[in-house]
Amino acid sequence: MIPKKYERVVFSFFMSLFMSFMMSFIITYINLEFVDGFILIWLEAFVKAFCFAFPIIFIVGPLVQKIVKKIVIQGN
């Protein structure tokens, strides 16, 4: 198992992995539909998206958490 002190890195990794995987598929499909070579085009877009998504989520994540805590009512 991974130590708790790496929780933010692990969260950022998996969030960026899933989001870039799904979003690159959707955007590739919207732009091209299912053309020959779709999978390779999509996977290339996924890798590029993930390379940007991971550091962005890692950096922006704490800011988003602060914003959410300010706008969400605390309590039951």
Protein backbone atom coordinates (compact mmCIF):
# COMPACT_ATOMS: atom_id res chain seq x y z
CA MET A 1 0.00 0.00 0.00
CA ILE A 2 0.97 3.61 -0.50
CA PRO A 3 1.65 5.81 2.56
CA LYS A 4 -0.93 8.52 3.40
CA LYS A 5 1.58 11.32 2.77
CA TYR A 6 1.35 10.52 -0.97
CA GLU A 7 -2.45 10.73 -1.06
CA ARG A 8 -2.51 13.98 -3.07
CA VAL A 9 -0.14 12.58 -5.70
CA VAL A 10 -2.09 9.32 -5.98
CA PHE A 11 -5.41 11.18 -6.19
CA SER A 12 -4.03 13.52 -8.87
CA PHE A 13 -2.65 10.58 -10.84
CA PHE A 14 -5.88 8.61 -10.92
CA MET A 15 -8.15 11.62 -11.44
CA SER A 16 -6.06 12.79 -14.37
CA LEU A 17 -5.79 9.25 -15.75
CA PHE A 18 -9.56 8.67 -15.76
CA MET A 19 -10.51 12.17 -16.90
CA SER A 20 -8.00 12.36 -19.74
CA PHE A 21 -8.88 8.81 -20.82
CA MET A 22 -12.61 9.57 -21.06
CA MET A 23 -12.39 13.14 -22.31
CA SER A 24 -9.85 12.36 -25.03
CA PHE A 25 -12.13 9.57 -26.27
CA ILE A 26 -15.20 11.84 -26.31
CA ILE A 27 -13.46 14.76 -27.99
CA THR A 28 -11.74 12.52 -30.54
CA TYR A 29 -15.10 10.92 -31.36
CA ILE A 30 -16.86 14.31 -31.64
CA ASN A 31 -14.18 15.61 -34.00
CA LEU A 32 -13.62 12.51 -36.14
CA GLU A 33 -16.31 9.92 -35.37
CA PHE A 34 -15.09 6.34 -35.87
CA VAL A 35 -12.56 6.65 -38.69
CA ASP A 36 -9.84 4.19 -39.67
CA GLY A 37 -7.11 4.38 -37.06
CA PHE A 38 -9.44 5.88 -34.47
CA ILE A 39 -7.93 3.91 -31.58
CA LEU A 40 -4.39 5.04 -32.34
CA ILE A 41 -5.47 8.66 -32.81
CA TRP A 42 -7.42 8.52 -29.54
CA LEU A 43 -4.55 6.90 -27.60
CA GLU A 44 -2.14 9.55 -28.86
CA ALA A 45 -4.57 12.25 -27.71
CA PHE A 46 -4.96 10.47 -24.36
CA VAL A 47 -1.22 10.38 -23.71
CA LYS A 48 -0.87 14.06 -24.57
CA ALA A 49 -3.87 14.99 -22.42
CA PHE A 50 -2.60 12.98 -19.46
CA CYS A 51 0.81 14.70 -19.62
CA PHE A 52 -0.97 18.02 -19.05
CA ALA A 53 -3.81 16.82 -16.82
CA PHE A 54 -1.64 15.31 -14.07
CA PRO A 55 0.35 18.44 -13.16
CA ILE A 56 -2.73 20.66 -13.63
CA ILE A 57 -4.83 18.57 -11.24
CA PHE A 58 -1.94 18.30 -8.79
CA ILE A 59 -1.52 22.09 -8.72
CA VAL A 60 -5.18 23.18 -8.99
CA GLY A 61 -6.67 20.45 -6.76
CA PRO A 62 -6.03 22.17 -3.41
CA LEU A 63 -7.48 25.45 -4.74
CA VAL A 64 -10.62 23.65 -5.89
CA GLN A 65 -10.94 21.98 -2.46
CA LYS A 66 -10.78 25.41 -0.77
CA ILE A 67 -13.43 26.81 -3.10
CA VAL A 68 -15.72 23.84 -2.50
CA LYS A 69 -15.32 24.12 1.28
CA LYS A 70 -16.36 27.78 1.08
CA ILE A 71 -19.52 27.17 -0.96
CA VAL A 72 -20.74 23.91 0.59
CA ILE A 73 -22.75 24.08 3.79
CA GLN A 74 -21.00 22.21 6.59
CA GLY A 75 -22.93 19.84 8.84
CA ASN A 76 -25.60 17.20 8.32
